[in-house]
Every structure is written in structure tokens, then in C-alpha cells.
């Protein structure tokens, strides 16, 4: 069996919805970074959906500060839906 690197085309992707969550609560990235106790750049990556590896400690602190569950700010997008998003 040949080694294969799986891409989003095979299994979908994880989508970060922190931007929408913060906008609904009228909270800035700066304020969240201060409350979470991390750098602005870390929160900015989450906000823009540019997180490559999820730091569970940061995720836990974000959820604690925002009184939410991880599923409120990250979601799984199946392959078919991800394909539709890329086309539109």
C-alpha cells in the first residue's frame, strides 16, 4: 500500500467561528487576548481561522472566558460542504 498524505479533499476541514462569536458579543480581539492571558497574535489567528494546530490550553481558556463550549467556536465541515464553500 502506497503512503498517502490526506488533504482536505479527503476528509473535510475544521472551521473556526470565533469571529462570529465575538461579533455577536461585541467583544474585541484585544479584550479577549487580555482576558485569556495570551498574545493578540494568538487570538488573531483564531479570529481569522488561521489556526494550524489547536492548543487545547488556549481553547480551554477561550471557552472559560466566553462561557462557551468548544463546539461554539470550532466546527467540523464535511468534504462535500467544504467543496461547496471553495467553489462559491
N, C-alpha and C. Protein backbone atom coordinates (compact mmCIF):
# COMPACT_ATOMS: atom_id res chain seq x y z
N UNK A 1 0.85 -1.18 0.00
CA UNK A 1 0.00 0.00 0.00
C UNK A 1 0.89 1.24 0.00
N UNK A 2 0.57 2.15 -0.85
CA UNK A 2 1.35 3.36 -1.01
C UNK A 2 0.99 4.38 0.08
N UNK A 3 2.01 5.05 0.62
CA UNK A 3 1.75 6.10 1.60
C UNK A 3 1.04 7.26 0.91
N UNK A 4 0.08 7.83 1.59
CA UNK A 4 -0.66 8.94 1.01
C UNK A 4 -0.89 10.00 2.08
N UNK A 5 -0.67 11.24 1.72
CA UNK A 5 -0.96 12.35 2.62
C UNK A 5 -2.39 12.78 2.34
N UNK A 6 -3.20 12.80 3.37
CA UNK A 6 -4.60 13.19 3.20
C UNK A 6 -4.72 14.70 3.22
N UNK A 7 -5.50 15.22 2.35
CA UNK A 7 -5.76 16.65 2.29
C UNK A 7 -7.22 16.88 2.63
N UNK A 8 -7.62 18.15 2.67
CA UNK A 8 -8.99 18.48 2.97
C UNK A 8 -9.94 17.79 2.01
N UNK A 9 -9.50 17.53 0.78
CA UNK A 9 -10.36 16.90 -0.21
C UNK A 9 -10.82 15.52 0.22
N UNK A 10 -10.07 14.87 1.10
CA UNK A 10 -10.42 13.52 1.52
C UNK A 10 -11.35 13.48 2.73
N UNK A 11 -11.20 14.44 3.62
CA UNK A 11 -11.94 14.29 4.88
C UNK A 11 -12.60 15.55 5.41
N UNK A 12 -12.56 16.66 4.72
CA UNK A 12 -13.18 17.88 5.19
C UNK A 12 -12.19 18.78 5.91
N UNK A 13 -12.70 19.65 6.75
CA UNK A 13 -11.82 20.58 7.47
C UNK A 13 -12.48 21.03 8.77
N UNK A 14 -11.68 21.65 9.61
CA UNK A 14 -12.17 22.27 10.84
C UNK A 14 -12.28 23.77 10.59
N UNK A 15 -13.42 24.33 10.93
CA UNK A 15 -13.67 25.76 10.71
C UNK A 15 -13.77 26.46 12.06
N UNK A 16 -13.05 27.56 12.18
CA UNK A 16 -13.09 28.35 13.41
C UNK A 16 -14.09 29.49 13.23
N UNK A 17 -15.03 29.60 14.15
CA UNK A 17 -16.08 30.61 14.06
C UNK A 17 -15.97 31.64 15.20
N UNK A 18 -14.75 31.84 15.69
CA UNK A 18 -14.56 32.79 16.79
C UNK A 18 -14.97 34.20 16.38
N UNK A 19 -14.72 34.58 15.14
CA UNK A 19 -15.07 35.93 14.66
C UNK A 19 -16.55 36.20 14.90
N UNK A 20 -17.39 35.30 14.43
CA UNK A 20 -18.84 35.49 14.58
C UNK A 20 -19.25 35.49 16.05
N UNK A 21 -18.61 34.64 16.83
CA UNK A 21 -18.92 34.56 18.26
C UNK A 21 -18.58 35.86 18.96
N UNK A 22 -17.41 36.45 18.66
CA UNK A 22 -17.01 37.71 19.29
C UNK A 22 -17.88 38.86 18.81
N UNK A 23 -18.19 38.89 17.51
CA UNK A 23 -19.04 39.96 16.98
C UNK A 23 -20.42 39.93 17.63
N UNK A 24 -20.97 38.75 17.85
CA UNK A 24 -22.28 38.63 18.49
C UNK A 24 -22.24 39.13 19.93
N UNK A 25 -21.07 39.04 20.56
CA UNK A 25 -20.93 39.50 21.95
C UNK A 25 -20.30 40.89 22.04
N UNK A 26 -20.05 41.49 20.88
CA UNK A 26 -19.46 42.83 20.83
C UNK A 26 -18.16 42.91 21.64
N UNK A 27 -17.29 41.91 21.45
CA UNK A 27 -16.01 41.86 22.17
C UNK A 27 -14.87 41.96 21.16
N UNK A 28 -13.85 42.72 21.51
CA UNK A 28 -12.69 42.88 20.61
C UNK A 28 -11.68 41.76 20.83
N UNK A 29 -10.83 41.57 19.85
CA UNK A 29 -9.75 40.59 19.97
C UNK A 29 -8.78 41.00 21.07
N UNK A 30 -8.53 42.31 21.20
CA UNK A 30 -7.64 42.79 22.25
C UNK A 30 -8.16 42.42 23.64
N UNK A 31 -9.45 42.65 23.85
CA UNK A 31 -10.04 42.35 25.16
C UNK A 31 -9.97 40.85 25.43
N UNK A 32 -10.30 40.04 24.43
CA UNK A 32 -10.25 38.59 24.63
C UNK A 32 -8.83 38.14 24.94
N UNK A 33 -7.85 38.67 24.22
CA UNK A 33 -6.45 38.31 24.48
C UNK A 33 -6.06 38.63 25.91
N UNK A 34 -6.46 39.81 26.40
CA UNK A 34 -6.15 40.20 27.79
C UNK A 34 -6.81 39.24 28.78
N UNK A 35 -8.10 38.94 28.56
CA UNK A 35 -8.83 38.08 29.48
C UNK A 35 -8.32 36.64 29.46
N UNK A 36 -7.91 36.18 28.30
CA UNK A 36 -7.40 34.81 28.16
C UNK A 36 -5.97 34.70 28.68
N UNK A 37 -5.24 35.83 28.66
CA UNK A 37 -3.86 35.82 29.12
C UNK A 37 -2.91 35.31 28.06
N UNK A 38 -3.14 35.74 26.82
CA UNK A 38 -2.28 35.33 25.72
C UNK A 38 -2.03 36.53 24.82
N UNK A 39 -1.14 36.34 23.86
CA UNK A 39 -0.80 37.43 22.94
C UNK A 39 -1.94 37.69 21.95
N UNK A 40 -2.03 38.92 21.48
CA UNK A 40 -3.04 39.30 20.49
C UNK A 40 -2.91 38.41 19.25
N UNK A 41 -1.68 38.11 18.83
CA UNK A 41 -1.46 37.34 17.61
C UNK A 41 -2.10 35.95 17.69
N UNK A 42 -2.12 35.36 18.87
CA UNK A 42 -2.73 34.04 19.06
C UNK A 42 -4.23 34.14 18.82
N UNK A 43 -4.86 35.12 19.45
CA UNK A 43 -6.31 35.32 19.29
C UNK A 43 -6.62 35.74 17.85
N UNK A 44 -5.77 36.54 17.26
CA UNK A 44 -5.98 36.99 15.89
C UNK A 44 -6.00 35.79 14.93
N UNK A 45 -5.13 34.81 15.14
CA UNK A 45 -5.13 33.61 14.29
C UNK A 45 -6.44 32.84 14.44
N UNK A 46 -6.91 32.72 15.67
CA UNK A 46 -8.20 32.06 15.90
C UNK A 46 -9.31 32.85 15.22
N UNK A 47 -9.27 34.16 15.37
CA UNK A 47 -10.29 35.06 14.80
C UNK A 47 -10.35 34.92 13.28
N UNK A 48 -9.18 34.83 12.65
CA UNK A 48 -9.11 34.75 11.19
C UNK A 48 -9.25 33.32 10.68
N UNK A 49 -9.29 32.35 11.58
CA UNK A 49 -9.40 30.96 11.17
C UNK A 49 -8.11 30.39 10.63
N UNK A 50 -6.98 30.96 11.05
CA UNK A 50 -5.66 30.53 10.57
C UNK A 50 -4.94 29.62 11.56
N UNK A 51 -5.66 28.97 12.43
CA UNK A 51 -5.04 28.09 13.43
C UNK A 51 -4.66 26.78 12.74
N UNK A 52 -3.38 26.43 12.79
CA UNK A 52 -2.92 25.19 12.18
C UNK A 52 -2.96 24.03 13.17
N UNK A 53 -2.58 24.30 14.40
CA UNK A 53 -2.62 23.29 15.45
C UNK A 53 -3.39 23.86 16.63
N UNK A 54 -4.34 23.11 17.12
CA UNK A 54 -5.17 23.60 18.21
C UNK A 54 -4.48 23.34 19.55
N UNK A 55 -4.16 24.43 20.24
CA UNK A 55 -3.60 24.35 21.58
C UNK A 55 -4.79 24.22 22.53
N UNK A 56 -4.95 23.05 23.12
CA UNK A 56 -6.13 22.81 23.95
C UNK A 56 -6.17 23.69 25.19
N UNK A 57 -5.00 24.12 25.68
CA UNK A 57 -4.98 25.04 26.83
C UNK A 57 -5.57 26.39 26.42
N UNK A 58 -5.18 26.90 25.27
CA UNK A 58 -5.72 28.18 24.79
C UNK A 58 -7.22 28.02 24.53
N UNK A 59 -7.62 26.92 23.91
CA UNK A 59 -9.04 26.68 23.65
C UNK A 59 -9.83 26.64 24.95
N UNK A 60 -9.30 25.98 25.97
CA UNK A 60 -9.98 25.90 27.27
C UNK A 60 -10.12 27.29 27.89
N UNK A 61 -9.06 28.11 27.79
CA UNK A 61 -9.13 29.46 28.36
C UNK A 61 -10.13 30.33 27.61
N UNK A 62 -10.16 30.21 26.28
CA UNK A 62 -11.14 30.96 25.48
C UNK A 62 -12.55 30.56 25.90
N UNK A 63 -12.79 29.26 26.01
CA UNK A 63 -14.12 28.78 26.41
C UNK A 63 -14.49 29.23 27.82
N UNK A 64 -13.52 29.24 28.72
CA UNK A 64 -13.77 29.70 30.09
C UNK A 64 -14.18 31.17 30.09
N UNK A 65 -13.41 32.00 29.39
CA UNK A 65 -13.68 33.44 29.37
C UNK A 65 -15.02 33.73 28.69
N UNK A 66 -15.32 33.03 27.61
CA UNK A 66 -16.55 33.31 26.85
C UNK A 66 -17.75 32.49 27.34
N UNK A 67 -17.54 31.65 28.35
CA UNK A 67 -18.59 30.77 28.87
C UNK A 67 -19.26 30.00 27.73
N UNK A 68 -18.44 29.30 26.97
CA UNK A 68 -18.97 28.55 25.83
C UNK A 68 -18.32 27.17 25.78
N UNK A 69 -18.78 26.37 24.86
CA UNK A 69 -18.20 25.06 24.59
C UNK A 69 -17.31 25.15 23.36
N UNK A 70 -16.33 24.25 23.22
CA UNK A 70 -15.50 24.28 22.02
C UNK A 70 -16.32 24.23 20.73
N UNK A 71 -17.43 23.50 20.75
CA UNK A 71 -18.26 23.39 19.55
C UNK A 71 -18.93 24.71 19.17
N UNK A 72 -18.90 25.69 20.06
CA UNK A 72 -19.43 27.01 19.73
C UNK A 72 -18.47 27.80 18.85
N UNK A 73 -17.17 27.47 18.91
CA UNK A 73 -16.20 28.26 18.15
C UNK A 73 -15.39 27.45 17.14
N UNK A 74 -15.51 26.12 17.18
CA UNK A 74 -14.89 25.31 16.13
C UNK A 74 -15.91 24.26 15.67
N UNK A 75 -15.95 24.04 14.37
CA UNK A 75 -16.89 23.07 13.82
C UNK A 75 -16.20 22.24 12.75
N UNK A 76 -16.70 21.05 12.57
CA UNK A 76 -16.22 20.18 11.50
C UNK A 76 -17.07 20.42 10.26
N UNK A 77 -16.40 20.63 9.13
CA UNK A 77 -17.09 20.83 7.86
C UNK A 77 -16.78 19.61 6.98
N UNK A 78 -17.81 18.80 6.68
CA UNK A 78 -17.58 17.62 5.84
C UNK A 78 -17.07 18.00 4.45
N UNK A 79 -16.45 17.06 3.79
CA UNK A 79 -15.84 17.27 2.48
C UNK A 79 -16.79 17.92 1.49
N UNK A 80 -18.00 17.44 1.39
CA UNK A 80 -18.95 17.95 0.41
C UNK A 80 -19.25 19.43 0.65
N UNK A 81 -19.45 19.79 1.89
CA UNK A 81 -19.74 21.19 2.23
C UNK A 81 -18.50 22.06 2.01
N UNK A 82 -17.34 21.56 2.36
CA UNK A 82 -16.10 22.30 2.16
C UNK A 82 -15.88 22.55 0.66
N UNK A 83 -16.20 21.56 -0.16
CA UNK A 83 -16.09 21.71 -1.61
C UNK A 83 -17.02 22.82 -2.10
N UNK A 84 -18.24 22.85 -1.59
CA UNK A 84 -19.20 23.91 -2.00
C UNK A 84 -18.69 25.28 -1.58
N UNK A 85 -18.11 25.39 -0.38
CA UNK A 85 -17.59 26.69 0.09
C UNK A 85 -16.44 27.18 -0.78
N UNK A 86 -15.60 26.26 -1.22
CA UNK A 86 -14.46 26.64 -2.06
C UNK A 86 -14.92 27.13 -3.42
N UNK A 87 -15.97 26.55 -3.97
CA UNK A 87 -16.46 26.92 -5.30
C UNK A 87 -17.19 28.25 -5.27
N UNK A 88 -17.94 28.50 -4.23
CA UNK A 88 -18.72 29.76 -4.18
C UNK A 88 -17.92 30.93 -3.69
